[in-house]
Amino acid sequence: MRLILLRHGETLWNMDSRLQGHANSCLSTNGVKQTESIKEFVRLLAPRRVVSSDLGRTLQTAEIVGYPDAIPDSKLREINMGEWTGLRKPELIKSASEKYRNWRSGDYTPPRGESWANFCLRIGSALSFWVNEEDSDILAVVHSGVIRAACKVFLNLAPEQLLPATPGTITIFNFEHGVNKVPKLEAYNIGSFIPDMDVAD
């Protein structure tokens, strides 16, 4: 079976390089186009079940690709960025470059934020639950951080080993059948757009 992770399209906060975390920002015009561009690919993959983070940008993405009834799951939210929520990435890098680098590598937690370790535990638990619920392909509409956490949980890949997941792209894990389903990375960051190293989560 396949676990198909679709990152939401670009949001207005992505355009402004703002860190979103648990905050909501709707898709930009470009984000809607990105999502529409991946729609046919998603349809060809034909997932049997569709789940989504319960945040607005992922639910909006799920609806555009044809799944308005996607099951919302709050455990699939982006990492909680605490007091960094809403801050602009360029300004943060300028004022706290070392903390930002350490945060990106999972070694720093912003005040009142969620640690990388706890985030990975949450995402690993949520995605494993859905994988174990299904014997057929499942689509999860999620966030860039969720995709990085999935790569850590399932493949032990550190965040610094991965390019950011571009808005409106797909990552696929292929799980072997059986009691102990073993994940293999089938695809990463597949879509119509060139990876954007500067995009905010």
Protein backbone atom coordinates (compact mmCIF):
# COMPACT_ATOMS: atom_id res chain seq x y z
CA MET A 1 0.00 0.00 0.00
CA ARG A 2 1.01 3.59 -0.53
CA LEU A 3 0.91 6.49 1.88
CA ILE A 4 0.65 9.55 -0.37
CA LEU A 5 1.52 12.86 1.28
CA LEU A 6 0.35 15.99 -0.54
CA ARG A 7 1.68 19.32 0.69
CA HIS A 8 -0.89 22.11 0.58
CA GLY A 9 -0.56 24.82 -2.06
CA GLU A 10 1.20 28.11 -1.43
CA THR A 11 -0.56 30.36 1.08
CA LEU A 12 -0.62 34.12 1.54
CA TRP A 13 1.75 33.70 4.48
CA ASN A 14 4.08 31.57 2.34
CA MET A 15 4.20 34.47 -0.11
CA ASP A 16 5.24 36.77 2.73
CA SER A 17 7.75 34.21 4.10
CA ARG A 18 5.86 33.98 7.40
CA LEU A 19 6.06 30.90 9.63
CA GLN A 20 2.56 29.48 9.96
CA GLY A 21 2.62 26.54 12.34
CA HIS A 22 -0.88 26.13 13.78
CA ALA A 23 -2.05 29.50 12.44
CA ASN A 24 -4.26 29.65 9.37
CA SER A 25 -3.65 31.38 6.06
CA CYS A 26 -5.69 30.68 2.93
CA LEU A 27 -4.17 29.63 -0.38
CA SER A 28 -2.81 32.32 -2.65
CA THR A 29 -3.88 32.54 -6.31
CA ASN A 30 -0.66 30.72 -7.17
CA GLY A 31 -1.38 28.13 -4.48
CA VAL A 32 -4.74 27.37 -6.06
CA LYS A 33 -3.01 26.95 -9.45
CA GLN A 34 -0.39 24.62 -7.92
CA THR A 35 -3.12 22.52 -6.37
CA GLU A 36 -5.13 22.37 -9.59
CA SER A 37 -1.97 21.32 -11.46
CA ILE A 38 -1.43 18.29 -9.20
CA LYS A 39 -5.12 17.31 -9.18
CA GLU A 40 -4.93 14.96 -12.18
CA PHE A 41 -1.89 13.18 -10.73
CA VAL A 42 -3.75 12.66 -7.46
CA ARG A 43 -6.76 11.30 -9.36
CA LEU A 44 -4.55 8.79 -11.21
CA LEU A 45 -3.13 7.56 -7.88
CA ALA A 46 -6.75 6.84 -6.84
CA PRO A 47 -6.40 6.70 -3.04
CA ARG A 48 -9.13 4.71 -1.28
CA ARG A 49 -9.16 6.94 1.81
CA VAL A 50 -8.27 10.62 2.22
CA VAL A 51 -7.32 12.34 5.47
CA SER A 52 -6.06 15.84 6.12
CA SER A 53 -4.64 18.12 8.74
CA ASP A 54 -7.56 20.04 10.18
CA LEU A 55 -6.05 23.43 9.31
CA GLY A 56 -7.73 25.55 6.66
CA ARG A 57 -4.95 25.50 4.08
CA THR A 58 -4.88 21.70 3.94
CA LEU A 59 -8.66 21.32 3.91
CA GLN A 60 -8.84 23.88 1.09
CA THR A 61 -6.19 21.90 -0.82
CA ALA A 62 -8.09 18.63 -0.27
CA GLU A 63 -11.26 20.19 -1.61
CA ILE A 64 -9.55 21.52 -4.75
CA VAL A 65 -8.04 18.13 -5.61
CA GLY A 66 -11.49 16.57 -5.33
CA TYR A 67 -11.85 15.42 -1.72
CA PRO A 68 -14.11 17.87 0.15
CA ASP A 69 -14.99 15.07 2.58
CA ALA A 70 -11.39 14.36 3.61
CA ILE A 71 -11.25 13.22 7.25
CA PRO A 72 -9.74 16.04 9.36
CA ASP A 73 -7.12 14.97 11.89
CA SER A 74 -5.67 17.56 14.28
CA LYS A 75 -2.68 15.27 14.92
CA LEU A 76 -1.54 15.95 11.35
CA ARG A 77 -1.09 19.69 11.95
CA GLU A 78 2.20 21.43 11.22
CA ILE A 79 4.65 21.81 14.10
CA ASN A 80 3.56 24.38 16.66
CA MET A 81 6.01 27.27 16.33
CA GLY A 82 4.98 29.00 19.53
CA GLU A 83 6.16 32.61 19.71
CA TRP A 84 7.70 32.33 16.26
CA THR A 85 4.27 31.94 14.65
CA GLY A 86 3.73 34.75 12.17
CA LEU A 87 7.35 35.91 12.14
CA ARG A 88 8.97 36.54 8.76
CA LYS A 89 11.74 34.12 7.93
CA PRO A 90 14.26 36.71 6.55
CA GLU A 91 13.92 38.86 9.68
CA LEU A 92 14.24 35.84 11.95
CA ILE A 93 17.38 34.67 10.17
CA LYS A 94 18.83 38.17 10.53
CA SER A 95 18.02 38.57 14.22
CA ALA A 96 18.46 34.97 15.44
CA SER A 97 20.36 33.09 12.75
CA GLU A 98 21.89 30.45 15.03
CA LYS A 99 18.57 29.68 16.73
CA TYR A 100 16.88 29.46 13.35
CA ARG A 101 19.51 27.05 12.01
CA ASN A 102 19.23 24.94 15.14
CA TRP A 103 15.44 24.94 14.87
CA ARG A 104 15.60 23.75 11.26
CA SER A 105 17.86 20.86 12.33
CA GLY A 106 15.57 19.97 15.25
CA ASP A 107 17.88 21.16 18.01
CA TYR A 108 15.99 24.26 19.19
CA THR A 109 12.39 24.87 20.24
CA PRO A 110 10.94 28.41 20.14
CA PRO A 111 9.32 29.61 23.37
CA ARG A 112 5.93 27.91 23.87
CA GLY A 113 6.58 25.89 20.72
CA GLU A 114 6.65 22.15 20.07
CA SER A 115 9.96 20.31 20.10
CA TRP A 116 11.06 18.40 17.00
CA ALA A 117 11.15 15.16 19.01
CA ASN A 118 7.57 15.58 20.25
CA PHE A 119 6.43 16.61 16.78
CA CYS A 120 7.93 13.46 15.26
CA LEU A 121 6.22 11.34 17.90
CA ARG A 122 2.86 12.98 17.11
CA ILE A 123 3.23 12.64 13.34
CA GLY A 124 4.59 9.10 13.54
CA SER A 125 1.68 8.03 15.72
CA ALA A 126 -0.93 9.71 13.49
CA LEU A 127 0.41 8.41 10.18
CA SER A 128 1.02 4.91 11.56
CA PHE A 129 -2.57 4.81 12.77
CA TRP A 130 -3.91 5.57 9.29
CA VAL A 131 -1.48 3.16 7.60
CA ASN A 132 -2.55 0.37 9.94
CA GLU A 133 -6.22 1.19 9.32
CA GLU A 134 -5.84 0.66 5.59
CA ASP A 135 -4.77 -2.12 3.25
CA SER A 136 -5.11 0.15 0.22
CA ASP A 137 -3.61 3.48 -0.78
CA ILE A 138 -4.28 6.48 1.43
CA LEU A 139 -3.82 10.19 0.73
CA ALA A 140 -2.91 12.59 3.55
CA VAL A 141 -3.02 16.32 2.79
CA VAL A 142 -0.42 17.82 5.10
CA HIS A 143 2.37 20.35 5.64
CA SER A 144 6.06 20.55 4.78
CA GLY A 145 7.10 19.84 8.36
CA VAL A 146 4.86 16.78 8.48
CA ILE A 147 6.61 15.40 5.40
CA ARG A 148 10.03 15.98 6.95
CA ALA A 149 8.86 14.32 10.18
CA ALA A 150 7.53 11.33 8.21
CA CYS A 151 10.93 10.95 6.54
CA LYS A 152 12.57 10.98 9.97
CA VAL A 153 10.10 8.53 11.53
CA PHE A 154 9.92 6.06 8.66
CA LEU A 155 13.40 6.38 7.11
CA ASN A 156 15.52 8.04 9.83
CA LEU A 157 16.39 10.92 7.49
CA ALA A 158 17.38 14.09 9.34
CA PRO A 159 15.76 17.42 8.30
CA GLU A 160 19.07 18.73 6.92
CA GLN A 161 19.20 15.76 4.53
CA LEU A 162 16.05 16.91 2.76
CA LEU A 163 15.12 19.74 0.45
CA PRO A 164 11.92 21.48 1.63
CA ALA A 165 8.73 19.98 0.23
CA THR A 166 7.43 22.44 -2.33
CA PRO A 167 3.78 23.58 -2.10
CA GLY A 168 1.46 21.40 -4.15
CA THR A 169 3.82 18.42 -4.44
CA ILE A 170 3.57 14.74 -3.54
CA THR A 171 5.75 12.41 -1.49
CA ILE A 172 4.99 8.68 -1.47
CA PHE A 173 5.90 5.94 0.99
CA ASN A 174 5.32 2.39 -0.16
CA PHE A 175 4.57 -0.05 2.67
CA GLU A 176 5.05 -3.78 2.31
CA HIS A 177 2.08 -5.91 3.28
CA GLY A 178 2.08 -7.86 6.51
CA VAL A 179 2.01 -7.22 10.23
CA ASN A 180 5.24 -5.20 10.23
CA LYS A 181 4.80 -2.94 7.22
CA VAL A 182 8.22 -1.72 6.09
CA PRO A 183 8.20 1.72 4.42
CA LYS A 184 10.22 2.56 1.32
CA LEU A 185 10.46 6.00 -0.26
CA GLU A 186 8.87 5.79 -3.70
CA ALA A 187 8.77 9.50 -4.55
CA TYR A 188 9.71 12.82 -2.96
CA ASN A 189 8.61 16.34 -3.86
CA ILE A 190 6.96 15.33 -7.15
CA GLY A 191 4.97 18.03 -8.91
CA SER A 192 4.88 20.69 -11.56
CA PHE A 193 7.12 23.19 -9.77
CA ILE A 194 10.85 23.56 -9.11
CA PRO A 195 11.69 23.13 -5.39
CA ASP A 196 11.76 26.51 -3.64
CA MET A 197 14.48 26.64 -1.00
CA ASP A 198 13.12 29.93 0.39
CA VAL A 199 9.53 28.91 1.00
CA ALA A 200 8.30 29.16 4.58
CA ASP A 201 6.42 26.32 6.27
